[in-house]
Amino acid sequence: MVGLIEFQAEFSLFKHQYSAQQGRWTQ
C-alpha cells in the first residue's frame, strides 16, 4: 500500500513538472 501512495505522489509531481514545462513552452 505504501508503494502505491509513493507512486501516486511521484506521478502527481511528474504531472506538475510536465504542465510547468508546457507553460514555459507556450510562453
Protein backbone atom coordinates (compact mmCIF):
# COMPACT_ATOMS: atom_id res chain seq x y z
CA MET A 1 0.00 0.00 0.00
CA VAL A 2 2.85 2.37 0.78
CA GLY A 3 4.31 1.71 -2.67
CA LEU A 4 1.04 2.76 -4.29
CA ILE A 5 0.94 6.01 -2.31
CA GLU A 6 4.55 6.77 -3.24
CA PHE A 7 3.74 6.06 -6.89
CA GLN A 8 0.77 8.44 -6.83
CA ALA A 9 2.90 11.15 -5.22
CA GLU A 10 5.65 10.71 -7.81
CA PHE A 11 3.10 10.70 -10.64
CA SER A 12 1.41 13.91 -9.45
CA LEU A 13 4.84 15.54 -9.12
CA PHE A 14 5.69 14.43 -12.67
CA LYS A 15 2.42 15.87 -14.00
CA HIS A 16 3.12 19.14 -12.18
CA GLN A 17 6.60 19.41 -13.68
CA TYR A 18 5.26 18.48 -17.13
CA SER A 19 2.50 21.11 -17.06
CA ALA A 20 5.01 23.69 -15.83
CA GLN A 21 7.29 22.82 -18.75
CA GLN A 22 4.36 23.06 -21.17
CA GLY A 23 3.53 26.51 -19.78
CA ARG A 24 7.11 27.64 -20.37
CA TRP A 25 6.99 26.38 -23.95
CA THR A 26 3.68 28.17 -24.55
CA GLN A 27 5.07 31.46 -23.27
